[in-house]
Amino acid sequence: MVIINDKKDCCGCWSCANICPKHCIEMVEDEEGFRYPKVDKTLCVDCGLCEKSCPVINADTQDNPFEQQGWLVQHKDEQIRHESTSGGAFTAIASYVIGKGGVVFGAGYRKGSFVVVHQAAESIDEMSLFRNSKYSQSEIRDCYNQVLQYLKNSRLVLFSGTPCQIEGLRCYLRGKDYDNLILQDLVCHAIPSPAIFRSYIEVQQKLLGGEFKNVLFRDKFYGYHYSSFSIYNTDKNRDYHKGVDTNAYLRAFFDNLSDRPSCYDCRFKKRYRKSDITLWDCFPIEKFTNKLDGKGTTRVLVHTKKGAEIINAAMKDLNAVSVNPDSLTDGVREMFKSVPYNPKRQQFFDDFKKMDSVVFFKKWFPITLKVRLNSFVRLTCHRLGIYTLAKRVFLKFYTKKDER
């Protein structure tokens, strides 16, 4: 029977709930907005499958080297690349799978809401819901069971998710390698609370009014190098676009205040992963090549022969440059290190539980003169076309300052 004594020991992947033969495990949301397994002990038969399917209990934290391939890619369709977080690699891969009559699983909004859930797509239109990063933990629900059924029916399946969700699926499948299953993960910063996101959207609804059409966490409204949290309204005059410097939700995320407890001790941060392909964005592209532009690029790390075959098949839709995997992964902190615990996190969630939402966000993320100045400088650098250069100089200066 799966028992969570320390919340750091559960990544919320839903594997235990999917595999339980008695359906006696429910994923229940706690006061912070994260879901954990709750077992109905009257139905449990102590078969042990829930523990065997837990990726945290069965985590292999060893980073065992094997041969990899590295790529930098950009989708040839400029509109697709604009709608994507980085270079549109996922769309190219997913389009190939759907073109072969396959099924793609990814994170998108549940119909009629802004709740992030994993779901299946069998058409290009449905698959477009998965574009752009989702800075909220997705609900897997019964997707692992669905994946297994498609695999048994000989359908080609692409499952895209965070590293813990990928390893959750692998544990659910008891490590069996299906030729018709492609696993694609991403380099994940951390997983923020769905309750914080839900509350933030409610606050913005009060402040902006109108009807929200879409919410994007990494929109290219200002460009690739200065992405924004964007809310698109039926009334265009009510559209909202703010960068990480002024947007409260992004500030909470990147200050590591709203993350799941397991993210501060992630078992899945490593280079040599159990997926077929790992994707993440590329800043700056100039570090690697002058053959691609700066409008969005995806780094692709290929782990398996199957992954290499899929990437090669998707190349018809991509402009690509081969890169040594050592260079591709060098200095990518999010790949190897858990986010640091913010000592203010407990107070952050204590306030969230008891305060009015508008007051809560204003208290924690006030728009001070310093914040306004930061935003002004960033936007000015972007408009002058020197944002990347300015950021590089800034980081180099502060790195040297820290070393002193």
Protein backbone atom coordinates (compact mmCIF):
# COMPACT_ATOMS: atom_id res chain seq x y z
CA MET A 1 0.00 0.00 0.00
CA VAL A 2 1.39 3.40 -0.95
CA ILE A 3 1.66 5.71 2.07
CA ILE A 4 3.07 9.25 1.76
CA ASN A 5 4.72 10.26 5.04
CA ASP A 6 6.83 13.01 3.48
CA LYS A 7 5.35 15.00 0.60
CA LYS A 8 8.78 15.21 -1.01
CA ASP A 9 8.37 11.49 -1.75
CA CYS A 10 5.46 11.95 -4.18
CA CYS A 11 5.77 13.64 -7.57
CA GLY A 12 2.03 13.38 -8.33
CA CYS A 13 2.41 11.24 -11.46
CA TRP A 14 -0.83 9.20 -10.93
CA SER A 15 0.95 5.90 -11.71
CA CYS A 16 -0.32 4.24 -8.52
CA ALA A 17 -3.90 5.33 -9.22
CA ASN A 18 -3.71 3.99 -12.78
CA ILE A 19 -2.29 0.59 -11.88
CA CYS A 20 -4.49 -0.23 -8.87
CA PRO A 21 -6.63 -3.27 -9.83
CA LYS A 22 -9.27 -2.39 -7.21
CA HIS A 23 -9.47 1.32 -8.17
CA CYS A 24 -9.10 2.20 -4.52
CA ILE A 25 -6.56 5.03 -4.95
CA GLU A 26 -7.82 8.57 -5.43
CA MET A 27 -5.55 11.54 -6.14
CA VAL A 28 -6.71 14.20 -3.68
CA GLU A 29 -5.71 17.87 -3.81
CA ASP A 30 -4.13 19.26 -0.64
CA GLU A 31 -4.26 22.86 0.67
CA GLU A 32 -1.37 23.87 -1.59
CA GLY A 33 -3.14 22.57 -4.69
CA PHE A 34 -1.04 19.44 -5.27
CA ARG A 35 -2.53 15.96 -5.57
CA TYR A 36 -1.46 12.96 -3.48
CA PRO A 37 -2.74 9.37 -3.38
CA LYS A 38 -5.43 8.51 -0.84
CA VAL A 39 -6.07 4.79 -0.40
CA ASP A 40 -9.46 3.33 0.50
CA LYS A 41 -8.18 0.68 2.92
CA THR A 42 -11.50 -1.17 2.88
CA LEU A 43 -10.92 -2.05 -0.78
CA CYS A 44 -7.12 -2.46 -0.81
CA VAL A 45 -5.86 -6.06 -1.10
CA ASP A 46 -2.18 -5.22 -0.47
CA CYS A 47 -1.09 -6.45 -3.90
CA GLY A 48 1.86 -4.06 -3.84
CA LEU A 49 1.43 -2.87 -7.43
CA CYS A 50 1.14 0.76 -6.34
CA GLU A 51 4.58 0.66 -4.71
CA LYS A 52 6.10 -1.19 -7.67
CA SER A 53 4.75 1.47 -10.04
CA CYS A 54 6.03 4.46 -8.03
CA PRO A 55 8.87 6.23 -9.88
CA VAL A 56 10.12 7.86 -6.68
CA ILE A 57 10.42 4.59 -4.76
CA ASN A 58 12.01 2.92 -7.79
CA ALA A 59 14.06 5.87 -9.00
CA ASP A 60 17.43 5.14 -10.58
CA THR A 61 19.40 8.24 -9.65
CA GLN A 62 22.59 7.02 -11.33
CA ASP A 63 23.51 9.04 -14.41
CA ASN A 64 24.82 6.12 -16.46
CA PRO A 65 26.46 7.29 -19.72
CA PHE A 66 25.47 5.96 -23.14
CA GLU A 67 25.78 7.27 -26.69
CA GLN A 68 23.55 10.25 -27.46
CA GLN A 69 22.84 12.61 -30.37
CA GLY A 70 22.47 16.37 -30.07
CA TRP A 71 20.54 18.71 -32.36
CA LEU A 72 19.41 22.32 -32.62
CA VAL A 73 16.19 22.56 -34.62
CA GLN A 74 13.69 25.10 -35.88
CA HIS A 75 10.35 24.34 -37.50
CA LYS A 76 10.20 25.47 -41.13
CA ASP A 77 6.68 26.84 -40.63
CA GLU A 78 7.18 30.30 -39.09
CA GLN A 79 3.64 30.40 -37.67
CA ILE A 80 4.10 27.09 -35.86
CA ARG A 81 7.42 28.27 -34.46
CA HIS A 82 5.83 31.52 -33.30
CA GLU A 83 3.10 29.59 -31.46
CA SER A 84 5.64 27.25 -29.85
CA THR A 85 7.69 27.90 -26.74
CA SER A 86 10.97 27.52 -28.59
CA GLY A 87 11.65 26.00 -32.01
CA GLY A 88 8.62 23.79 -32.67
CA ALA A 89 10.39 20.42 -32.45
CA PHE A 90 7.51 18.84 -30.55
CA THR A 91 5.06 19.78 -33.32
CA ALA A 92 7.27 18.18 -35.97
CA ILE A 93 7.60 14.96 -33.96
CA ALA A 94 3.91 14.84 -33.05
CA SER A 95 2.84 15.58 -36.63
CA TYR A 96 4.87 12.61 -37.85
CA VAL A 97 3.19 10.33 -35.29
CA ILE A 98 -0.30 11.52 -36.18
CA GLY A 99 0.54 11.19 -39.87
CA LYS A 100 1.29 7.51 -39.20
CA GLY A 101 -2.16 7.06 -37.64
CA GLY A 102 -0.75 7.38 -34.14
CA VAL A 103 -1.88 9.06 -30.92
CA VAL A 104 -0.14 11.89 -29.09
CA PHE A 105 -0.47 12.52 -25.34
CA GLY A 106 0.46 15.93 -23.96
CA ALA A 107 -0.52 18.67 -21.53
CA GLY A 108 -3.27 21.05 -22.59
CA TYR A 109 -6.23 22.89 -21.14
CA ARG A 110 -9.33 20.87 -20.37
CA LYS A 111 -12.11 21.98 -22.72
CA GLY A 112 -13.95 25.02 -21.38
CA SER A 113 -11.40 25.75 -18.65
CA PHE A 114 -7.79 26.65 -17.90
CA VAL A 115 -7.15 23.48 -15.93
CA VAL A 116 -4.05 21.72 -17.30
CA VAL A 117 -4.65 18.02 -17.96
CA HIS A 118 -2.91 15.31 -19.95
CA GLN A 119 -5.04 14.17 -22.86
CA ALA A 120 -4.87 12.31 -26.15
CA ALA A 121 -4.83 13.90 -29.61
CA GLU A 122 -5.43 12.09 -32.90
CA SER A 123 -5.43 15.08 -35.24
CA ILE A 124 -3.17 18.05 -35.96
CA ASP A 125 -5.83 20.48 -34.67
CA GLU A 126 -6.14 18.62 -31.35
CA MET A 127 -2.38 18.36 -30.99
CA SER A 128 -1.98 22.14 -31.27
CA LEU A 129 -3.40 22.41 -27.72
CA PHE A 130 -0.09 21.03 -26.44
CA ARG A 131 2.06 23.83 -27.86
CA ASN A 132 3.59 26.38 -25.48
CA SER A 133 4.86 25.57 -21.99
CA LYS A 134 2.33 24.85 -19.23
CA TYR A 135 3.59 26.22 -15.90
CA SER A 136 1.10 24.23 -13.84
CA GLN A 137 1.18 20.56 -12.87
CA SER A 138 -1.00 18.61 -15.28
CA GLU A 139 -3.50 16.00 -14.13
CA ILE A 140 -2.59 12.64 -15.66
CA ARG A 141 -5.85 10.99 -14.55
CA ASP A 142 -6.27 7.68 -16.49
CA CYS A 143 -3.85 8.50 -19.34
CA TYR A 144 -1.45 5.67 -18.50
CA ASN A 145 -4.30 3.18 -18.83
CA GLN A 146 -5.26 4.77 -22.14
CA VAL A 147 -1.67 4.56 -23.39
CA LEU A 148 -1.50 0.85 -22.58
CA GLN A 149 -4.75 0.17 -24.41
CA TYR A 150 -3.53 2.00 -27.54
CA LEU A 151 -0.25 0.06 -27.39
CA LYS A 152 -2.11 -3.25 -27.17
CA ASN A 153 -4.15 -2.19 -30.18
CA SER A 154 -0.87 -1.69 -32.10
CA ARG A 155 -1.24 2.09 -32.35
CA LEU A 156 1.88 4.26 -32.45
CA VAL A 157 1.91 6.41 -29.29
CA LEU A 158 3.92 9.52 -28.42
CA PHE A 159 3.78 10.48 -24.74
CA SER A 160 5.18 13.90 -23.85
CA GLY A 161 5.61 15.03 -20.25
CA THR A 162 7.92 16.01 -17.42
CA PRO A 163 10.70 13.56 -16.46
CA CYS A 164 8.73 12.30 -13.43
CA GLN A 165 5.64 11.68 -15.60
CA ILE A 166 7.75 9.77 -18.13
CA GLU A 167 9.29 7.58 -15.44
CA GLY A 168 5.85 7.18 -13.87
CA LEU A 169 4.59 5.75 -17.15
CA ARG A 170 7.61 3.48 -17.48
CA CYS A 171 7.06 2.14 -13.96
CA TYR A 172 3.36 1.67 -14.71
CA LEU A 173 4.37 -0.40 -17.76
CA ARG A 174 6.71 -2.35 -15.45
CA GLY A 175 9.72 -1.39 -17.56
CA LYS A 176 8.46 -3.16 -20.69
CA ASP A 177 9.78 -1.50 -23.84
CA TYR A 178 7.08 -1.23 -26.51
CA ASP A 179 8.33 -0.70 -30.06
CA ASN A 180 5.29 1.50 -30.76
CA LEU A 181 5.81 3.81 -27.76
CA ILE A 182 7.87 7.02 -28.01
CA LEU A 183 8.70 8.79 -24.76
CA GLN A 184 9.59 12.47 -24.93
CA ASP A 185 10.43 14.51 -21.84
CA LEU A 186 11.62 18.06 -21.30
CA VAL A 187 14.17 19.83 -19.18
CA CYS A 188 11.91 20.90 -16.33
CA HIS A 189 12.57 23.81 -13.93
CA ALA A 190 9.93 22.64 -11.44
CA ILE A 191 6.16 22.05 -11.17
CA PRO A 192 4.08 24.95 -9.77
CA SER A 193 0.80 24.64 -7.91
CA PRO A 194 -2.44 24.35 -9.94
CA ALA A 195 -4.26 26.10 -7.07
CA ILE A 196 -1.99 29.15 -7.34
CA PHE A 197 -2.60 29.24 -11.09
CA ARG A 198 -6.34 28.85 -10.61
CA SER A 199 -6.38 31.69 -8.10
CA TYR A 200 -4.26 33.92 -10.30
CA ILE A 201 -6.61 33.46 -13.27
CA GLU A 202 -9.58 34.33 -11.04
CA VAL A 203 -7.81 37.53 -9.95
CA GLN A 204 -7.01 38.50 -13.54
CA GLN A 205 -10.63 37.83 -14.52
CA LYS A 206 -11.74 40.35 -11.89
CA LEU A 207 -9.18 42.93 -12.95
CA LEU A 208 -9.39 42.59 -16.74
CA GLY A 209 -12.98 41.53 -17.27
CA GLY A 210 -14.15 40.19 -20.60
CA GLU A 211 -13.88 36.56 -21.66
CA PHE A 212 -10.49 34.84 -21.76
CA LYS A 213 -9.76 32.97 -25.00
CA ASN A 214 -6.28 31.68 -24.17
CA VAL A 215 -3.58 31.92 -21.53
CA LEU A 216 0.07 31.46 -22.55
CA PHE A 217 2.97 31.17 -20.12
CA ARG A 218 5.79 31.71 -22.64
CA ASP A 219 4.24 33.82 -25.38
CA LYS A 220 6.39 35.43 -28.07
CA PHE A 221 4.34 38.64 -28.06
CA TYR A 222 7.51 40.67 -27.46
CA GLY A 223 9.77 38.09 -29.09
CA TYR A 224 11.58 34.88 -28.21
CA HIS A 225 14.20 36.40 -25.92
CA TYR A 226 11.71 38.35 -23.79
CA SER A 227 8.71 36.07 -23.54
CA SER A 228 5.56 37.10 -21.72
CA PHE A 229 2.67 35.73 -19.72
CA SER A 230 -0.18 36.54 -22.06
CA ILE A 231 -3.96 36.49 -21.69
CA TYR A 232 -5.93 36.80 -24.91
CA ASN A 233 -9.42 38.22 -24.49
CA THR A 234 -12.46 38.28 -26.76
CA ASP A 235 -12.09 42.05 -26.39
CA LYS A 236 -8.58 42.76 -27.76
CA ASN A 237 -8.40 45.96 -25.72
CA ARG A 238 -8.36 43.79 -22.60
CA ASP A 239 -5.44 41.59 -23.71
CA TYR A 240 -2.66 41.24 -21.14
CA HIS A 241 1.10 40.81 -21.79
CA LYS A 242 3.68 40.98 -19.00
CA GLY A 243 7.18 39.58 -18.65
CA VAL A 244 8.74 37.64 -15.78
CA ASP A 245 9.78 40.93 -14.17
CA THR A 246 6.23 42.15 -13.51
CA ASN A 247 3.93 39.14 -13.79
CA ALA A 248 3.05 37.80 -10.33
CA TYR A 249 2.54 34.20 -11.40
CA LEU A 250 5.88 33.94 -13.17
CA ARG A 251 7.62 35.69 -10.27
CA ALA A 252 6.24 33.10 -7.86
CA PHE A 253 7.39 30.29 -10.13
CA PHE A 254 10.93 31.53 -10.76
CA ASP A 255 11.36 32.56 -7.11
CA ASN A 256 10.64 28.88 -6.30
CA LEU A 257 7.77 29.78 -4.00
CA SER A 258 4.97 27.81 -5.66
CA ASP A 259 6.71 24.54 -6.50
CA ARG A 260 5.72 21.01 -5.50
CA PRO A 261 7.72 19.74 -2.47
CA SER A 262 9.26 16.90 -4.53
CA CYS A 263 10.78 19.46 -6.91
CA TYR A 264 13.21 20.61 -4.22
CA ASP A 265 14.63 17.08 -4.16
CA CYS A 266 13.91 15.85 -7.69
CA ARG A 267 14.98 12.26 -8.38
CA PHE A 268 14.92 12.73 -12.14
CA LYS A 269 17.44 15.50 -12.78
CA LYS A 270 20.08 13.90 -14.96
CA ARG A 271 21.47 13.89 -18.46
CA TYR A 272 21.06 10.21 -19.35
CA ARG A 273 17.32 9.74 -19.17
CA LYS A 274 14.83 6.92 -19.66
CA SER A 275 13.00 8.73 -22.43
CA ASP A 276 13.74 8.47 -26.14
CA ILE A 277 14.07 12.22 -26.66
CA THR A 278 14.58 15.25 -24.40
CA LEU A 279 13.59 18.75 -25.55
CA TRP A 280 14.32 22.22 -24.19
CA ASP A 281 14.94 25.72 -25.49
CA CYS A 282 18.21 27.35 -26.53
CA PHE A 283 19.64 30.63 -25.24
CA PRO A 284 21.66 32.00 -26.95
CA ILE A 285 21.72 30.38 -30.38
CA GLU A 286 24.86 32.38 -31.25
CA LYS A 287 26.82 30.22 -28.82
CA PHE A 288 26.35 27.21 -31.08
CA THR A 289 25.81 28.26 -34.70
CA ASN A 290 25.17 31.11 -37.14
CA LYS A 291 23.10 28.87 -39.42
CA LEU A 292 19.86 29.40 -37.45
CA ASP A 293 18.11 32.65 -36.49
CA GLY A 294 17.12 33.93 -33.05
CA LYS A 295 13.34 33.53 -33.32
CA GLY A 296 13.14 30.28 -31.37
CA THR A 297 15.28 27.15 -31.24
CA THR A 298 14.80 23.75 -29.60
CA ARG A 299 17.65 21.70 -28.22
CA VAL A 300 17.11 18.00 -28.87
CA LEU A 301 18.95 15.28 -26.97
CA VAL A 302 18.37 11.81 -28.43
CA HIS A 303 18.81 8.85 -26.07
CA THR A 304 17.78 5.79 -28.09
CA LYS A 305 17.82 4.28 -31.55
CA LYS A 306 14.05 4.69 -31.63
CA GLY A 307 14.42 8.37 -30.77
CA ALA A 308 16.97 8.84 -33.56
CA GLU A 309 14.61 7.23 -36.08
CA ILE A 310 11.74 9.52 -35.06
CA ILE A 311 13.89 12.66 -35.21
CA ASN A 312 15.20 11.68 -38.63
CA ALA A 313 11.63 11.16 -39.84
CA ALA A 314 10.60 14.58 -38.49
CA MET A 315 13.52 16.37 -40.17
CA LYS A 316 11.43 17.08 -43.28
CA ASP A 317 9.69 19.81 -41.24
CA LEU A 318 12.82 21.10 -39.50
CA ASN A 319 15.93 23.13 -40.12
CA ALA A 320 18.60 21.42 -38.04
CA VAL A 321 22.22 21.63 -36.94
CA SER A 322 24.02 18.71 -35.32
CA VAL A 323 25.71 19.58 -32.01
CA ASN A 324 27.97 17.57 -29.72
CA PRO A 325 25.80 16.41 -26.77
CA ASP A 326 28.49 17.52 -24.30
CA SER A 327 28.28 21.08 -25.62
CA LEU A 328 24.49 20.95 -25.82
CA THR A 329 24.11 20.08 -22.12
CA ASP A 330 27.03 22.07 -20.72
CA GLY A 331 25.90 24.51 -18.04
CA VAL A 332 22.22 23.53 -18.21
CA ARG A 333 21.48 23.72 -14.49
CA GLU A 334 17.84 22.68 -14.78
CA MET A 335 18.92 19.37 -16.30
CA PHE A 336 21.10 18.38 -13.34
CA LYS A 337 20.02 20.35 -10.25
CA SER A 338 16.79 20.60 -8.24
CA VAL A 339 15.47 24.09 -7.60
CA PRO A 340 16.67 25.55 -4.28
CA TYR A 341 14.11 25.68 -1.49
CA ASN A 342 12.87 29.21 -0.83
CA PRO A 343 12.75 29.79 2.96
CA LYS A 344 9.70 32.02 2.46
CA ARG A 345 7.69 29.21 0.84
CA GLN A 346 5.80 28.17 3.98
CA GLN A 347 4.71 31.74 4.68
CA PHE A 348 3.74 32.13 1.02
CA PHE A 349 1.31 29.21 1.22
CA ASP A 350 0.10 30.17 4.72
CA ASP A 351 -0.92 33.55 3.32
CA PHE A 352 -2.46 31.92 0.26
CA LYS A 353 -4.73 29.79 2.44
CA LYS A 354 -6.10 32.67 4.47
CA MET A 355 -5.89 35.87 2.41
CA ASP A 356 -8.12 37.34 -0.27
CA SER A 357 -6.51 36.46 -3.61
CA VAL A 358 -6.15 40.04 -4.86
CA VAL A 359 -4.58 41.13 -1.59
CA PHE A 360 -2.34 38.04 -1.55
CA PHE A 361 -0.78 38.67 -4.96
CA LYS A 362 -0.35 42.40 -4.26
CA LYS A 363 1.39 41.66 -0.97
CA TRP A 364 3.84 39.15 -2.40
CA PHE A 365 4.46 40.76 -5.78
CA PRO A 366 4.05 44.54 -5.50
CA ILE A 367 4.84 46.65 -8.56
CA THR A 368 7.55 48.79 -6.98
CA LEU A 369 9.73 51.43 -8.64
CA LYS A 370 12.51 48.83 -8.85
CA VAL A 371 10.18 46.38 -10.63
CA ARG A 372 9.01 49.07 -13.06
CA LEU A 373 12.60 50.10 -13.81
CA ASN A 374 13.58 46.47 -14.39
CA SER A 375 10.70 46.04 -16.82
CA PHE A 376 11.55 49.29 -18.63
CA VAL A 377 15.20 48.28 -19.09
CA ARG A 378 14.27 44.81 -20.36
CA LEU A 379 11.73 46.13 -22.87
CA THR A 380 14.11 48.87 -24.04
CA CYS A 381 16.89 46.33 -24.62
CA HIS A 382 14.43 44.15 -26.53
CA ARG A 383 13.29 47.01 -28.74
CA LEU A 384 16.90 47.99 -29.45
CA GLY A 385 17.71 44.40 -30.37
CA ILE A 386 20.37 44.03 -27.65
CA TYR A 387 18.43 42.01 -25.07
CA THR A 388 20.52 38.84 -25.42
CA LEU A 389 23.81 40.75 -25.34
CA ALA A 390 22.74 42.80 -22.30
CA LYS A 391 21.59 39.69 -20.45
CA ARG A 392 24.88 37.91 -21.18
CA VAL A 393 26.93 40.89 -19.90
CA PHE A 394 24.73 41.16 -16.80
CA LEU A 395 25.09 37.47 -15.93
CA LYS A 396 28.85 37.53 -16.59
CA PHE A 397 29.26 40.55 -14.30
CA TYR A 398 27.29 39.02 -11.44
CA THR A 399 28.99 35.65 -11.83
CA LYS A 400 32.37 37.34 -11.41
CA LYS A 401 30.98 39.39 -8.51
CA ASP A 402 29.83 36.20 -6.75
CA GLU A 403 33.25 34.61 -7.31
CA ARG A 404 34.89 37.55 -5.58
